[in-house]
Protein backbone atom coordinates (compact mmCIF):
# COMPACT_ATOMS: atom_id res chain seq x y z
CA UNK A 1 8.36 13.54 -13.21
CA UNK A 2 4.83 12.25 -13.75
CA UNK A 3 3.83 8.93 -12.27
CA UNK A 4 1.20 6.46 -13.41
CA UNK A 5 0.73 5.37 -9.79
CA UNK A 6 -1.41 6.81 -7.02
CA UNK A 7 -1.12 6.24 -3.28
CA UNK A 8 -4.30 4.70 -1.91
CA UNK A 9 -3.31 3.86 1.66
CA UNK A 10 -0.74 4.60 4.32
CA UNK A 11 -0.93 2.82 7.63
CA UNK A 12 -0.14 -0.19 9.75
CA UNK A 13 1.03 -3.56 8.50
CA UNK A 14 -2.14 -5.50 9.34
CA UNK A 15 -4.51 -3.21 7.43
CA UNK A 16 -2.01 -2.98 4.58
CA UNK A 17 -1.83 -6.75 4.21
CA UNK A 18 -5.62 -7.04 4.21
CA UNK A 19 -5.89 -4.40 1.48
CA UNK A 20 -3.06 -5.95 -0.55
CA UNK A 21 -4.66 -9.41 -0.43
CA UNK A 22 -8.06 -8.08 -1.50
CA UNK A 23 -6.53 -6.06 -4.33
CA UNK A 24 -4.74 -9.14 -5.62
CA UNK A 25 -7.99 -11.14 -5.48
CA UNK A 26 -9.53 -8.77 -8.05
CA UNK A 27 -6.42 -8.70 -10.25
CA UNK A 28 -4.76 -5.49 -9.07
CA UNK A 29 -1.05 -5.82 -8.28
CA UNK A 30 -0.12 -3.05 -5.82
CA UNK A 31 3.27 -1.49 -5.17
CA UNK A 32 4.18 -1.53 -1.46
CA UNK A 33 6.59 0.96 0.06
CA UNK A 34 7.90 -0.03 3.49
CA UNK A 35 10.50 2.38 4.87
CA UNK A 36 11.33 0.24 7.91
CA UNK A 37 11.95 -2.88 5.81
CA UNK A 38 14.05 -0.93 3.30
CA UNK A 39 16.10 0.52 6.15
CA UNK A 40 16.53 -2.87 7.79
CA UNK A 41 17.78 -4.41 4.56
CA UNK A 42 20.24 -1.55 4.11
CA UNK A 43 21.44 -1.79 7.71
CA UNK A 44 19.74 1.38 8.97
CA UNK A 45 16.84 2.01 11.31
CA UNK A 46 13.62 3.83 10.53
CA UNK A 47 11.35 5.86 12.80
CA UNK A 48 8.24 4.55 10.96
CA UNK A 49 8.17 0.96 12.23
CA UNK A 50 5.42 -1.11 10.68
CA UNK A 51 3.90 1.56 8.44
CA UNK A 52 3.43 0.82 4.76
CA UNK A 53 2.24 2.79 1.76
CA UNK A 54 0.25 1.16 -1.02
CA UNK A 55 0.26 2.44 -4.60
CA UNK A 56 -1.75 1.26 -7.60
CA UNK A 57 -1.79 2.07 -11.28
CA UNK A 58 -3.86 5.21 -11.89
CA UNK A 59 -6.12 3.27 -14.28
CA UNK A 60 -7.16 0.97 -11.39
CA UNK A 61 -7.63 3.76 -8.84
CA UNK A 62 -11.44 3.68 -8.55
CA UNK A 63 -11.58 -0.08 -7.95
CA UNK A 64 -8.70 0.08 -5.49
CA UNK A 65 -10.22 2.94 -3.50
CA UNK A 66 -13.44 0.98 -3.04
CA UNK A 67 -11.43 -1.89 -1.54
CA UNK A 68 -9.66 0.49 0.86
CA UNK A 69 -12.95 2.02 1.96
CA UNK A 70 -14.41 -1.44 2.58
CA UNK A 71 -11.40 -2.55 4.66
CA UNK A 72 -11.04 0.55 6.82
CA UNK A 73 -14.78 0.89 7.22
CA UNK A 74 -15.06 4.53 6.21
């Protein structure tokens, strides 16, 4: 199945929240995947505590990647 979304970041909660906030400031609404939170809500544990993945629409990929690079300092 093809997806219109691309993963732009995978990492800790603090960096994820910074990236998410900056994306929203420029009008990009990201999709956040948090395995530990999903597991907690379902009553299960997860070995990946605090890690999140951020996805954006493929059409907004270039703008989103520049935000990620600015935040992580690469």
